[in-house]
C-alpha cells in the first residue's frame, strides 16, 4: 500500500478531483464547516495525503494548529510544499502522540486502508480530548445489494480509466473498489463509533450511500 501511494502521490489530488467530478472539495469543505472547533484548535489530519483537511481547517480557523500524519513520506513532502507546516510519517494504529491531545481528528479516505478498523478507531479515540471530534470522509458500501454491485463496477471502470490515462497502468486505481469489497456501510461505521464511546454521531450520505461524512464527539 505504501509503495502504491508513493507512485500515485504527484497525481493523487488531480485524480481525486477528476474522479469525483469536483465533488471531493465540496465534501471536505462540508466536513470542516460543520465541525464546531474551539478557538485555536489542535487538529490531527490522519491519512492526510497532501494535507487537504489541514489547509481547509487553517482557512476556516486562522489560529488552528494542524498535524498531518500519513504512512507515505512522498505524500507528506507534497503536503509540506503546500504550506502544511507539521507533517509526521506514522502508522494509524501506533500514533506518536500522548493521550487526549487533539481537539479534532479528520480522516480523509483512510478508513478502508487501515488493516484493523477497530484498532484505528480506538487509537483515534485515545489521542482525542474528551468532547473532541472525529470527522471522517470515505467510501462505503451502499446498503442495497444491487446498488452495491453497480457502485463497485463503476468504481472499477473509473479506476481503470484514470490509471491508464495518468500512469499507463489500468490497475493502479482499482485499489479503491478492491479495498471496499470487504468494508462496511455508513450505518455500520456509525454503530462502531457509538460502541467505541462516541456520541452525537451524525452522517451525510452521497452517491446513494457510496460516500459518507461522519461527525462524532468523544464522550466526556
N, C-alpha and C. Protein backbone atom coordinates (compact mmCIF):
# COMPACT_ATOMS: atom_id res chain seq x y z
N UNK A 1 0.83 -1.20 0.00
CA UNK A 1 0.00 0.00 0.00
C UNK A 1 0.87 1.26 0.00
N UNK A 2 1.92 1.26 0.84
CA UNK A 2 2.81 2.42 0.88
C UNK A 2 3.49 2.65 -0.47
N UNK A 3 3.94 1.57 -1.12
CA UNK A 3 4.60 1.69 -2.42
C UNK A 3 3.63 2.23 -3.47
N UNK A 4 2.38 1.78 -3.41
CA UNK A 4 1.38 2.23 -4.38
C UNK A 4 1.11 3.73 -4.20
N UNK A 5 0.95 4.18 -2.95
CA UNK A 5 0.70 5.60 -2.72
C UNK A 5 1.92 6.45 -3.04
N UNK A 6 3.12 5.89 -2.88
CA UNK A 6 4.33 6.59 -3.30
C UNK A 6 4.28 6.87 -4.80
N UNK A 7 3.80 5.88 -5.56
CA UNK A 7 3.74 6.04 -7.02
C UNK A 7 2.71 7.08 -7.43
N UNK A 8 1.55 7.07 -6.82
CA UNK A 8 0.46 7.95 -7.28
C UNK A 8 0.49 9.32 -6.63
N UNK A 9 1.36 9.56 -5.65
CA UNK A 9 1.33 10.80 -4.88
C UNK A 9 1.29 12.07 -5.74
N UNK A 10 2.16 12.23 -6.76
CA UNK A 10 2.14 13.50 -7.50
C UNK A 10 0.82 13.78 -8.22
N UNK A 11 0.05 12.74 -8.54
CA UNK A 11 -1.20 12.92 -9.27
C UNK A 11 -2.43 12.59 -8.43
N UNK A 12 -2.20 12.37 -7.14
CA UNK A 12 -3.29 11.95 -6.27
C UNK A 12 -4.40 13.00 -6.19
N UNK A 13 -4.04 14.26 -6.00
CA UNK A 13 -5.06 15.31 -5.88
C UNK A 13 -5.84 15.47 -7.17
N UNK A 14 -5.14 15.43 -8.31
CA UNK A 14 -5.84 15.56 -9.58
C UNK A 14 -6.82 14.41 -9.77
N UNK A 15 -6.36 13.19 -9.47
CA UNK A 15 -7.24 12.03 -9.62
C UNK A 15 -8.47 12.15 -8.72
N UNK A 16 -8.26 12.55 -7.47
CA UNK A 16 -9.37 12.66 -6.52
C UNK A 16 -10.41 13.67 -7.00
N UNK A 17 -9.95 14.80 -7.52
CA UNK A 17 -10.89 15.82 -8.01
C UNK A 17 -11.59 15.33 -9.28
N UNK A 18 -10.79 14.78 -10.22
CA UNK A 18 -11.36 14.39 -11.51
C UNK A 18 -12.34 13.23 -11.36
N UNK A 19 -11.96 12.22 -10.57
CA UNK A 19 -12.81 11.04 -10.45
C UNK A 19 -14.10 11.33 -9.70
N UNK A 20 -14.10 12.38 -8.86
CA UNK A 20 -15.31 12.76 -8.13
C UNK A 20 -16.07 13.88 -8.84
N UNK A 21 -15.63 14.25 -10.04
CA UNK A 21 -16.24 15.34 -10.81
C UNK A 21 -16.28 16.64 -10.01
N UNK A 22 -15.22 16.86 -9.25
CA UNK A 22 -15.09 18.08 -8.47
C UNK A 22 -15.81 18.07 -7.14
N UNK A 23 -16.54 17.01 -6.83
CA UNK A 23 -17.34 16.99 -5.60
C UNK A 23 -16.48 16.80 -4.35
N UNK A 24 -15.29 16.23 -4.50
CA UNK A 24 -14.41 15.98 -3.35
C UNK A 24 -14.18 17.24 -2.53
N UNK A 25 -13.91 18.36 -3.17
CA UNK A 25 -13.66 19.61 -2.43
C UNK A 25 -14.89 20.03 -1.65
N UNK A 26 -16.07 19.90 -2.26
CA UNK A 26 -17.30 20.28 -1.58
C UNK A 26 -17.53 19.40 -0.36
N UNK A 27 -17.29 18.10 -0.49
CA UNK A 27 -17.47 17.19 0.65
C UNK A 27 -16.53 17.56 1.79
N UNK A 28 -15.29 17.84 1.47
CA UNK A 28 -14.31 18.17 2.52
C UNK A 28 -14.65 19.50 3.18
N UNK A 29 -15.05 20.48 2.38
CA UNK A 29 -15.45 21.76 2.97
C UNK A 29 -16.64 21.59 3.91
N UNK A 30 -17.59 20.72 3.51
CA UNK A 30 -18.75 20.46 4.37
C UNK A 30 -18.31 19.82 5.68
N UNK A 31 -17.34 18.90 5.60
CA UNK A 31 -16.85 18.26 6.81
C UNK A 31 -16.24 19.24 7.78
N UNK A 32 -15.47 20.19 7.27
CA UNK A 32 -14.82 21.19 8.13
C UNK A 32 -15.83 22.21 8.63
N UNK A 33 -16.72 22.65 7.77
CA UNK A 33 -17.67 23.70 8.14
C UNK A 33 -18.58 23.28 9.28
N UNK A 34 -19.01 22.01 9.29
CA UNK A 34 -19.94 21.54 10.31
C UNK A 34 -19.24 21.20 11.63
N UNK A 35 -17.94 21.05 11.61
CA UNK A 35 -17.20 20.74 12.83
C UNK A 35 -17.12 21.99 13.70
N UNK A 36 -17.66 21.91 14.90
CA UNK A 36 -17.64 23.05 15.83
C UNK A 36 -16.30 23.03 16.58
N UNK A 37 -15.33 23.74 16.06
CA UNK A 37 -13.99 23.72 16.63
C UNK A 37 -13.83 24.86 17.64
N UNK A 38 -13.06 24.63 18.71
CA UNK A 38 -12.79 25.70 19.67
C UNK A 38 -11.80 26.71 19.09
N UNK A 39 -11.60 27.85 19.75
CA UNK A 39 -10.57 28.79 19.29
C UNK A 39 -9.19 28.13 19.31
N UNK A 40 -8.40 28.39 18.30
CA UNK A 40 -7.04 27.85 18.18
C UNK A 40 -7.00 26.34 18.41
N UNK A 41 -7.78 25.57 17.65
CA UNK A 41 -7.82 24.12 17.88
C UNK A 41 -6.51 23.45 17.45
N UNK A 42 -6.22 22.34 18.11
CA UNK A 42 -5.13 21.47 17.69
C UNK A 42 -5.77 20.28 16.98
N UNK A 43 -5.43 20.12 15.70
CA UNK A 43 -6.14 19.18 14.83
C UNK A 43 -5.17 18.15 14.28
N UNK A 44 -5.63 16.90 14.24
CA UNK A 44 -4.88 15.82 13.58
C UNK A 44 -5.52 15.54 12.24
N UNK A 45 -4.74 15.61 11.18
CA UNK A 45 -5.18 15.28 9.82
C UNK A 45 -4.59 13.91 9.50
N UNK A 46 -5.38 12.85 9.77
CA UNK A 46 -4.89 11.47 9.68
C UNK A 46 -5.13 10.90 8.30
N UNK A 47 -4.15 10.11 7.79
CA UNK A 47 -4.18 9.67 6.40
C UNK A 47 -4.31 10.91 5.52
N UNK A 48 -3.43 11.85 5.78
CA UNK A 48 -3.58 13.23 5.28
C UNK A 48 -3.40 13.37 3.78
N UNK A 49 -2.68 12.42 3.15
CA UNK A 49 -2.33 12.66 1.75
C UNK A 49 -1.51 13.94 1.67
N UNK A 50 -1.90 14.84 0.80
CA UNK A 50 -1.15 16.09 0.63
C UNK A 50 -1.66 17.20 1.54
N UNK A 51 -2.57 16.88 2.48
CA UNK A 51 -2.94 17.84 3.51
C UNK A 51 -4.16 18.68 3.23
N UNK A 52 -5.12 18.18 2.47
CA UNK A 52 -6.33 18.94 2.16
C UNK A 52 -7.05 19.42 3.41
N UNK A 53 -7.31 18.52 4.34
CA UNK A 53 -8.05 18.91 5.54
C UNK A 53 -7.26 19.92 6.37
N UNK A 54 -5.95 19.77 6.44
CA UNK A 54 -5.12 20.73 7.17
C UNK A 54 -5.29 22.13 6.61
N UNK A 55 -5.25 22.26 5.30
CA UNK A 55 -5.37 23.59 4.69
C UNK A 55 -6.77 24.16 4.87
N UNK A 56 -7.79 23.32 4.75
CA UNK A 56 -9.16 23.81 4.92
C UNK A 56 -9.39 24.28 6.36
N UNK A 57 -8.88 23.55 7.33
CA UNK A 57 -9.03 23.96 8.73
C UNK A 57 -8.32 25.29 8.98
N UNK A 58 -7.13 25.44 8.44
CA UNK A 58 -6.38 26.67 8.65
C UNK A 58 -7.07 27.87 8.01
N UNK A 59 -7.77 27.65 6.90
CA UNK A 59 -8.52 28.75 6.29
C UNK A 59 -9.73 29.13 7.12
N UNK A 60 -10.43 28.12 7.66
CA UNK A 60 -11.62 28.41 8.44
C UNK A 60 -11.27 28.95 9.83
N UNK A 61 -10.20 28.45 10.43
CA UNK A 61 -9.76 28.87 11.77
C UNK A 61 -8.31 29.31 11.66
N UNK A 62 -8.06 30.60 11.39
CA UNK A 62 -6.68 31.06 11.15
C UNK A 62 -5.71 30.73 12.27
N UNK A 63 -6.19 30.57 13.50
CA UNK A 63 -5.29 30.24 14.60
C UNK A 63 -5.11 28.75 14.83
N UNK A 64 -5.69 27.93 13.96
CA UNK A 64 -5.63 26.48 14.14
C UNK A 64 -4.21 25.96 13.97
N UNK A 65 -3.90 24.91 14.72
CA UNK A 65 -2.63 24.20 14.58
C UNK A 65 -2.97 22.80 14.11
N UNK A 66 -2.38 22.39 13.00
CA UNK A 66 -2.71 21.11 12.39
C UNK A 66 -1.47 20.26 12.24
N UNK A 67 -1.63 18.96 12.51
CA UNK A 67 -0.56 17.99 12.31
C UNK A 67 -1.04 16.98 11.27
N UNK A 68 -0.34 16.92 10.14
CA UNK A 68 -0.68 15.96 9.09
C UNK A 68 0.10 14.67 9.34
N UNK A 69 -0.61 13.53 9.32
CA UNK A 69 0.02 12.22 9.51
C UNK A 69 -0.35 11.31 8.36
N UNK A 70 0.66 10.70 7.76
CA UNK A 70 0.43 9.76 6.67
C UNK A 70 1.52 8.71 6.72
N UNK A 71 1.24 7.56 6.12
CA UNK A 71 2.21 6.47 6.10
C UNK A 71 3.20 6.62 4.94
N UNK A 72 2.92 7.54 4.02
CA UNK A 72 3.73 7.69 2.81
C UNK A 72 4.50 9.01 2.85
N UNK A 73 5.81 8.93 2.95
CA UNK A 73 6.63 10.13 3.08
C UNK A 73 6.51 11.04 1.86
N UNK A 74 6.34 10.47 0.67
CA UNK A 74 6.22 11.30 -0.52
C UNK A 74 4.97 12.17 -0.47
N UNK A 75 3.87 11.65 0.07
CA UNK A 75 2.67 12.46 0.27
C UNK A 75 2.97 13.62 1.22
N UNK A 76 3.70 13.33 2.29
CA UNK A 76 3.99 14.37 3.28
C UNK A 76 4.93 15.44 2.72
N UNK A 77 5.85 15.06 1.85
CA UNK A 77 6.71 16.06 1.22
C UNK A 77 5.86 17.03 0.40
N UNK A 78 4.87 16.50 -0.32
CA UNK A 78 3.96 17.36 -1.08
C UNK A 78 3.13 18.24 -0.15
N UNK A 79 2.71 17.68 0.99
CA UNK A 79 1.95 18.48 1.96
C UNK A 79 2.79 19.65 2.47
N UNK A 80 4.07 19.39 2.77
CA UNK A 80 4.94 20.47 3.25
C UNK A 80 5.14 21.53 2.19
N UNK A 81 5.24 21.12 0.93
CA UNK A 81 5.38 22.09 -0.16
C UNK A 81 4.14 22.96 -0.30
N UNK A 82 3.01 22.48 0.21
CA UNK A 82 1.74 23.20 0.09
C UNK A 82 1.35 23.86 1.41
N UNK A 83 2.37 24.29 2.17
CA UNK A 83 2.19 25.07 3.39
C UNK A 83 1.56 24.33 4.56
N UNK A 84 1.72 23.01 4.60
CA UNK A 84 1.36 22.27 5.81
C UNK A 84 2.64 22.17 6.64
N UNK A 85 2.68 22.89 7.76
CA UNK A 85 3.93 23.05 8.49
C UNK A 85 4.33 21.80 9.28
N UNK A 86 3.37 21.12 9.87
CA UNK A 86 3.69 19.97 10.71
C UNK A 86 3.23 18.69 10.01
N UNK A 87 4.16 17.82 9.67
CA UNK A 87 3.84 16.59 8.96
C UNK A 87 4.67 15.45 9.54
N UNK A 88 4.00 14.35 9.89
CA UNK A 88 4.65 13.23 10.57
C UNK A 88 4.31 11.95 9.83
N UNK A 89 5.32 11.12 9.58
CA UNK A 89 5.11 9.82 8.98
C UNK A 89 4.89 8.81 10.10
N UNK A 90 3.68 8.22 10.15
CA UNK A 90 3.34 7.32 11.25
C UNK A 90 2.21 6.39 10.84
N UNK A 91 2.09 5.30 11.59
CA UNK A 91 1.05 4.30 11.41
C UNK A 91 -0.17 4.70 12.23
N UNK A 92 -1.36 4.54 11.65
CA UNK A 92 -2.59 4.98 12.32
C UNK A 92 -2.88 4.20 13.60
N UNK A 93 -2.36 3.00 13.74
CA UNK A 93 -2.62 2.23 14.96
C UNK A 93 -1.51 2.39 16.00
N UNK A 94 -0.49 3.20 15.69
CA UNK A 94 0.58 3.49 16.64
C UNK A 94 0.97 4.95 16.51
N UNK A 95 0.06 5.83 16.86
CA UNK A 95 0.29 7.25 16.70
C UNK A 95 1.27 7.76 17.77
N UNK A 96 2.27 8.56 17.39
CA UNK A 96 3.30 9.01 18.33
C UNK A 96 2.88 10.25 19.12
N UNK A 97 1.68 10.20 19.71
CA UNK A 97 1.14 11.35 20.43
C UNK A 97 0.59 10.89 21.78
N UNK A 98 0.62 11.78 22.77
CA UNK A 98 0.06 11.42 24.09
C UNK A 98 -1.46 11.34 24.06
N UNK A 99 -2.02 10.80 25.12
CA UNK A 99 -3.47 10.71 25.26
C UNK A 99 -4.12 12.09 25.29
N UNK A 100 -5.35 12.16 24.77
CA UNK A 100 -6.22 13.33 24.92
C UNK A 100 -5.57 14.63 24.45
N UNK A 101 -4.91 14.58 23.31
CA UNK A 101 -4.16 15.74 22.82
C UNK A 101 -4.95 16.62 21.87
N UNK A 102 -5.70 16.01 20.94
CA UNK A 102 -6.27 16.76 19.81
C UNK A 102 -7.73 17.16 20.07
N UNK A 103 -8.08 18.35 19.58
CA UNK A 103 -9.46 18.82 19.64
C UNK A 103 -10.31 18.16 18.57
N UNK A 104 -9.70 17.77 17.46
CA UNK A 104 -10.45 17.14 16.37
C UNK A 104 -9.50 16.30 15.54
N UNK A 105 -10.00 15.15 15.08
CA UNK A 105 -9.25 14.29 14.16
C UNK A 105 -10.05 14.20 12.86
N UNK A 106 -9.43 14.62 11.76
CA UNK A 106 -10.02 14.49 10.43
C UNK A 106 -9.37 13.30 9.73
N UNK A 107 -10.18 12.49 9.05
CA UNK A 107 -9.67 11.36 8.29
C UNK A 107 -10.29 11.40 6.90
N UNK A 108 -9.47 11.57 5.89
CA UNK A 108 -9.96 11.63 4.51
C UNK A 108 -9.60 10.39 3.73
N UNK A 109 -10.58 9.56 3.42
CA UNK A 109 -10.39 8.35 2.59
C UNK A 109 -9.35 7.40 3.18
N UNK A 110 -9.28 7.34 4.49
CA UNK A 110 -8.27 6.48 5.10
C UNK A 110 -8.82 5.22 5.73
N UNK A 111 -10.07 5.24 6.14
CA UNK A 111 -10.61 4.14 6.93
C UNK A 111 -10.46 2.79 6.25
N UNK A 112 -10.77 2.73 4.94
CA UNK A 112 -10.73 1.45 4.22
C UNK A 112 -9.33 0.86 4.15
N UNK A 113 -8.34 1.72 4.23
CA UNK A 113 -6.96 1.27 4.02
C UNK A 113 -6.27 0.85 5.31
N UNK A 114 -6.92 1.07 6.46
CA UNK A 114 -6.32 0.65 7.71
C UNK A 114 -6.57 -0.85 7.91
N UNK A 115 -5.54 -1.63 8.18
CA UNK A 115 -5.74 -3.08 8.26
C UNK A 115 -6.64 -3.52 9.40
N UNK A 116 -6.74 -2.72 10.47
CA UNK A 116 -7.60 -3.06 11.60
C UNK A 116 -8.42 -1.83 11.96
N UNK A 117 -9.66 -1.80 11.48
CA UNK A 117 -10.50 -0.62 11.68
C UNK A 117 -10.79 -0.38 13.16
N UNK A 118 -11.11 -1.43 13.90
CA UNK A 118 -11.42 -1.27 15.33
C UNK A 118 -10.23 -0.70 16.09
N UNK A 119 -9.03 -1.20 15.79
CA UNK A 119 -7.83 -0.72 16.47
C UNK A 119 -7.56 0.74 16.12
N UNK A 120 -7.81 1.12 14.88
CA UNK A 120 -7.59 2.51 14.46
C UNK A 120 -8.56 3.44 15.17
N UNK A 121 -9.84 3.06 15.24
CA UNK A 121 -10.82 3.90 15.94
C UNK A 121 -10.43 4.05 17.41
N UNK A 122 -9.96 2.97 18.03
CA UNK A 122 -9.53 3.04 19.42
C UNK A 122 -8.33 3.97 19.59
N UNK A 123 -7.40 3.93 18.64
CA UNK A 123 -6.23 4.80 18.71
C UNK A 123 -6.62 6.26 18.50
N UNK A 124 -7.53 6.51 17.57
CA UNK A 124 -8.02 7.88 17.36
C UNK A 124 -8.72 8.39 18.62
N UNK A 125 -9.52 7.52 19.23
CA UNK A 125 -10.21 7.90 20.46
C UNK A 125 -9.20 8.23 21.56
N UNK A 126 -8.11 7.48 21.62
CA UNK A 126 -7.09 7.70 22.65
C UNK A 126 -6.47 9.08 22.57
N UNK A 127 -6.17 9.54 21.35
CA UNK A 127 -5.45 10.83 21.21
C UNK A 127 -6.39 12.03 21.14
N UNK A 128 -7.70 11.80 21.24
CA UNK A 128 -8.68 12.88 21.18
C UNK A 128 -9.09 13.27 22.59
N UNK A 129 -9.17 14.57 22.84
CA UNK A 129 -9.58 15.02 24.18
C UNK A 129 -11.06 14.69 24.41
N UNK A 130 -11.50 14.53 25.67
CA UNK A 130 -12.93 14.33 25.94
C UNK A 130 -13.76 15.46 25.35
N UNK A 131 -14.80 15.12 24.64
CA UNK A 131 -15.62 16.11 23.95
C UNK A 131 -15.09 16.50 22.59
N UNK A 132 -13.88 16.03 22.24
CA UNK A 132 -13.30 16.34 20.93
C UNK A 132 -14.00 15.58 19.82
N UNK A 133 -13.70 15.95 18.60
CA UNK A 133 -14.45 15.46 17.44
C UNK A 133 -13.65 14.50 16.56
N UNK A 134 -14.38 13.62 15.93
CA UNK A 134 -13.88 12.83 14.80
C UNK A 134 -14.70 13.23 13.58
N UNK A 135 -14.03 13.58 12.50
CA UNK A 135 -14.69 13.88 11.23
C UNK A 135 -14.05 13.01 10.16
N UNK A 136 -14.88 12.20 9.50
CA UNK A 136 -14.36 11.26 8.51
C UNK A 136 -15.13 11.38 7.20
N UNK A 137 -14.39 11.36 6.11
CA UNK A 137 -14.95 11.28 4.76
C UNK A 137 -14.37 10.03 4.10
N UNK A 138 -15.26 9.15 3.61
CA UNK A 138 -14.72 7.92 3.00
C UNK A 138 -15.74 7.27 2.07
N UNK A 139 -15.23 6.29 1.33
CA UNK A 139 -16.08 5.40 0.54
C UNK A 139 -16.72 4.38 1.48
N UNK A 140 -17.96 4.01 1.18
CA UNK A 140 -18.63 2.96 1.93
C UNK A 140 -19.41 2.08 0.97
N UNK A 141 -19.80 0.91 1.46
CA UNK A 141 -20.64 0.02 0.67
C UNK A 141 -22.10 0.45 0.79
N UNK A 142 -22.79 0.74 -0.31
CA UNK A 142 -24.23 1.00 -0.22
C UNK A 142 -24.95 -0.18 0.42
N UNK A 143 -26.00 0.11 1.20
CA UNK A 143 -26.72 -0.95 1.89
C UNK A 143 -27.47 -1.85 0.92
N UNK A 144 -27.99 -1.28 -0.15
CA UNK A 144 -28.72 -2.05 -1.15
C UNK A 144 -27.74 -2.91 -1.95
N UNK A 145 -27.99 -4.21 -2.01
CA UNK A 145 -27.03 -5.13 -2.64
C UNK A 145 -26.88 -4.89 -4.14
N UNK A 146 -27.96 -4.53 -4.80
CA UNK A 146 -27.88 -4.26 -6.24
C UNK A 146 -27.04 -3.00 -6.48
N UNK A 147 -27.35 -1.94 -5.73
CA UNK A 147 -26.58 -0.70 -5.85
C UNK A 147 -25.11 -0.94 -5.51
N UNK A 148 -24.88 -1.82 -4.55
CA UNK A 148 -23.50 -2.13 -4.13
C UNK A 148 -22.70 -2.68 -5.31
N UNK A 149 -23.26 -3.64 -6.04
CA UNK A 149 -22.54 -4.23 -7.16
C UNK A 149 -22.35 -3.23 -8.30
N UNK A 150 -23.37 -2.41 -8.56
CA UNK A 150 -23.25 -1.39 -9.59
C UNK A 150 -22.19 -0.36 -9.22
N UNK A 151 -22.16 0.01 -7.96
CA UNK A 151 -21.20 1.01 -7.48
C UNK A 151 -19.77 0.48 -7.61
N UNK A 152 -19.54 -0.76 -7.19
CA UNK A 152 -18.21 -1.34 -7.29
C UNK A 152 -17.76 -1.44 -8.75
N UNK A 153 -18.68 -1.80 -9.64
CA UNK A 153 -18.35 -1.87 -11.06
C UNK A 153 -18.00 -0.50 -11.62
N UNK A 154 -18.77 0.51 -11.20
CA UNK A 154 -18.50 1.88 -11.65
C UNK A 154 -17.13 2.36 -11.15
N UNK A 155 -16.82 2.09 -9.88
CA UNK A 155 -15.52 2.48 -9.33
C UNK A 155 -14.38 1.77 -10.06
N UNK A 156 -14.59 0.51 -10.38
CA UNK A 156 -13.55 -0.24 -11.09
C UNK A 156 -13.30 0.37 -12.47
N UNK A 157 -14.38 0.70 -13.19
CA UNK A 157 -14.23 1.30 -14.52
C UNK A 157 -13.54 2.66 -14.43
N UNK A 158 -13.93 3.46 -13.43
CA UNK A 158 -13.30 4.77 -13.22
C UNK A 158 -11.81 4.61 -12.94
N UNK A 159 -11.49 3.68 -12.04
CA UNK A 159 -10.10 3.48 -11.67
C UNK A 159 -9.25 3.01 -12.84
N UNK A 160 -9.79 2.09 -13.62
CA UNK A 160 -9.04 1.58 -14.78
C UNK A 160 -8.80 2.68 -15.81
N UNK A 161 -9.83 3.52 -16.03
CA UNK A 161 -9.69 4.61 -16.99
C UNK A 161 -8.60 5.60 -16.57
N UNK A 162 -8.69 6.07 -15.31
CA UNK A 162 -7.72 7.07 -14.85
C UNK A 162 -6.34 6.47 -14.65
N UNK A 163 -6.27 5.22 -14.26
CA UNK A 163 -4.97 4.57 -14.12
C UNK A 163 -4.25 4.47 -15.45
N UNK A 164 -4.99 4.11 -16.49
CA UNK A 164 -4.39 4.02 -17.82
C UNK A 164 -3.99 5.39 -18.33
N UNK A 165 -4.87 6.38 -18.12
CA UNK A 165 -4.62 7.73 -18.63
C UNK A 165 -3.43 8.39 -17.94
N UNK A 166 -3.36 8.27 -16.61
CA UNK A 166 -2.35 9.00 -15.84
C UNK A 166 -1.04 8.25 -15.66
N UNK A 167 -1.12 6.89 -15.65
CA UNK A 167 0.08 6.12 -15.32
C UNK A 167 0.39 5.02 -16.33
N UNK A 168 -0.50 4.78 -17.29
CA UNK A 168 -0.31 3.67 -18.20
C UNK A 168 -0.50 2.33 -17.52
N UNK A 169 -1.18 2.32 -16.38
CA UNK A 169 -1.39 1.10 -15.59
C UNK A 169 -2.85 1.05 -15.14
N UNK A 170 -3.71 0.35 -15.84
CA UNK A 170 -5.14 0.39 -15.53
C UNK A 170 -5.50 -0.12 -14.14
N UNK A 171 -4.64 -0.93 -13.52
CA UNK A 171 -4.99 -1.49 -12.22
C UNK A 171 -4.59 -0.60 -11.05
N UNK A 172 -3.88 0.48 -11.29
CA UNK A 172 -3.30 1.22 -10.16
C UNK A 172 -4.36 1.89 -9.29
N UNK A 173 -5.47 2.35 -9.88
CA UNK A 173 -6.51 3.00 -9.08
C UNK A 173 -7.68 2.06 -8.76
N UNK A 174 -7.61 0.84 -9.19
CA UNK A 174 -8.69 -0.09 -8.84
C UNK A 174 -8.52 -0.60 -7.41
N UNK A 175 -7.51 -0.06 -6.68
CA UNK A 175 -7.40 -0.38 -5.26
C UNK A 175 -8.63 0.12 -4.50
N UNK A 176 -9.33 1.12 -5.02
CA UNK A 176 -10.50 1.66 -4.30
C UNK A 176 -11.61 0.62 -4.21
N UNK A 177 -12.11 0.09 -5.34
CA UNK A 177 -13.13 -0.97 -5.19
C UNK A 177 -12.57 -2.23 -4.54
N UNK A 178 -11.30 -2.53 -4.76
CA UNK A 178 -10.71 -3.71 -4.12
C UNK A 178 -10.75 -3.58 -2.59
N UNK A 179 -10.41 -2.39 -2.08
CA UNK A 179 -10.41 -2.18 -0.63
C UNK A 179 -11.83 -2.09 -0.08
N UNK A 180 -12.77 -1.73 -0.93
CA UNK A 180 -14.15 -1.51 -0.48
C UNK A 180 -14.93 -2.81 -0.37
N UNK A 181 -14.55 -3.83 -1.11
CA UNK A 181 -15.33 -5.08 -1.15
C UNK A 181 -15.50 -5.71 0.23
N UNK A 182 -14.52 -5.58 1.08
CA UNK A 182 -14.59 -6.17 2.42
C UNK A 182 -14.83 -5.12 3.50
N UNK A 183 -15.30 -3.93 3.09
CA UNK A 183 -15.53 -2.84 4.04
C UNK A 183 -16.98 -2.87 4.52
N UNK A 184 -17.45 -1.77 5.10
CA UNK A 184 -18.76 -1.72 5.75
C UNK A 184 -19.58 -0.57 5.17
N UNK A 185 -20.82 -0.46 5.64
CA UNK A 185 -21.71 0.61 5.21
C UNK A 185 -21.60 1.82 6.14
N UNK A 186 -22.21 2.92 5.75
CA UNK A 186 -22.23 4.12 6.58
C UNK A 186 -22.85 3.82 7.94
N UNK A 187 -23.99 3.13 7.95
CA UNK A 187 -24.67 2.82 9.21
C UNK A 187 -23.84 1.91 10.10
N UNK A 188 -23.14 0.97 9.49
CA UNK A 188 -22.30 0.07 10.29
C UNK A 188 -21.14 0.81 10.93
N UNK A 189 -20.57 1.78 10.22
CA UNK A 189 -19.49 2.56 10.83
C UNK A 189 -20.04 3.46 11.94
N UNK A 190 -21.23 4.00 11.75
CA UNK A 190 -21.85 4.80 12.81
C UNK A 190 -22.03 3.96 14.07
N UNK A 191 -22.46 2.72 13.91
CA UNK A 191 -22.64 1.83 15.06
C UNK A 191 -21.30 1.55 15.74
N UNK A 192 -20.26 1.36 14.96
CA UNK A 192 -18.93 1.13 15.52
C UNK A 192 -18.49 2.33 16.36
N UNK A 193 -18.73 3.54 15.87
CA UNK A 193 -18.36 4.74 16.63
C UNK A 193 -19.10 4.79 17.96
N UNK A 194 -20.38 4.49 17.95
CA UNK A 194 -21.15 4.52 19.20
C UNK A 194 -20.63 3.48 20.19
N UNK A 195 -20.30 2.30 19.70
CA UNK A 195 -19.76 1.26 20.58
C UNK A 195 -18.39 1.64 21.13
N UNK A 196 -17.69 2.52 20.43
CA UNK A 196 -16.35 2.93 20.82
C UNK A 196 -16.35 4.14 21.75
N UNK A 197 -17.53 4.59 22.15
CA UNK A 197 -17.62 5.69 23.12
C UNK A 197 -17.89 7.05 22.54
N UNK A 198 -18.23 7.10 21.25
CA UNK A 198 -18.59 8.39 20.65
C UNK A 198 -20.09 8.63 20.80
N UNK A 199 -20.47 9.89 20.83
CA UNK A 199 -21.87 10.26 20.97
C UNK A 199 -22.21 11.31 19.91
N UNK A 200 -23.50 11.55 19.76
CA UNK A 200 -23.92 12.57 18.80
C UNK A 200 -23.43 12.29 17.39
N UNK A 201 -23.43 11.03 17.00
CA UNK A 201 -22.93 10.67 15.67
C UNK A 201 -23.89 11.18 14.61
N UNK A 202 -23.37 11.97 13.68
CA UNK A 202 -24.17 12.50 12.56
C UNK A 202 -23.53 12.06 11.26
N UNK A 203 -24.35 11.86 10.25
CA UNK A 203 -23.83 11.41 8.96
C UNK A 203 -24.45 12.22 7.83
N UNK A 204 -23.74 12.22 6.73
CA UNK A 204 -24.27 12.76 5.48
C UNK A 204 -23.87 11.80 4.38
N UNK A 205 -24.81 11.39 3.57
CA UNK A 205 -24.58 10.36 2.56
C UNK A 205 -24.58 10.98 1.16
N UNK A 206 -23.67 10.51 0.32
CA UNK A 206 -23.58 10.94 -1.07
C UNK A 206 -23.50 9.71 -1.97
N UNK A 207 -23.81 9.89 -3.23
CA UNK A 207 -23.71 8.80 -4.21
C UNK A 207 -24.44 7.55 -3.75
N UNK A 208 -25.67 7.76 -3.25
CA UNK A 208 -26.55 6.65 -2.86
C UNK A 208 -25.92 5.76 -1.78
N UNK A 209 -25.17 6.38 -0.88
CA UNK A 209 -24.55 5.64 0.20
C UNK A 209 -23.14 5.18 -0.08
N UNK A 210 -22.59 5.55 -1.23
CA UNK A 210 -21.23 5.16 -1.58
C UNK A 210 -20.16 6.04 -0.97
N UNK A 211 -20.53 7.25 -0.59
CA UNK A 211 -19.62 8.18 0.09
C UNK A 211 -20.33 8.65 1.35
N UNK A 212 -19.59 8.69 2.45
CA UNK A 212 -20.21 9.12 3.71
C UNK A 212 -19.32 10.08 4.47
N UNK A 213 -19.95 11.10 5.07
CA UNK A 213 -19.31 12.00 6.02
C UNK A 213 -19.83 11.66 7.40
N UNK A 214 -18.93 11.56 8.36
CA UNK A 214 -19.32 11.32 9.75
C UNK A 214 -18.76 12.43 10.64
N UNK A 215 -19.59 12.86 11.58
CA UNK A 215 -19.14 13.73 12.68
C UNK A 215 -19.52 13.04 13.98
N UNK A 216 -18.60 12.94 14.92
CA UNK A 216 -18.90 12.29 16.19
C UNK A 216 -18.04 12.91 17.27
N UNK A 217 -18.61 13.02 18.48
CA UNK A 217 -17.90 13.60 19.61
C UNK A 217 -17.50 12.51 20.59
N UNK A 218 -16.27 12.56 21.05
CA UNK A 218 -15.81 11.62 22.07
C UNK A 218 -16.53 11.90 23.38
N UNK A 219 -16.93 10.86 24.10
CA UNK A 219 -17.60 11.02 25.37
C UNK A 219 -16.72 11.74 26.39
N UNK A 220 -17.37 12.49 27.27
CA UNK A 220 -16.64 13.25 28.30
C UNK A 220 -16.04 12.29 29.33
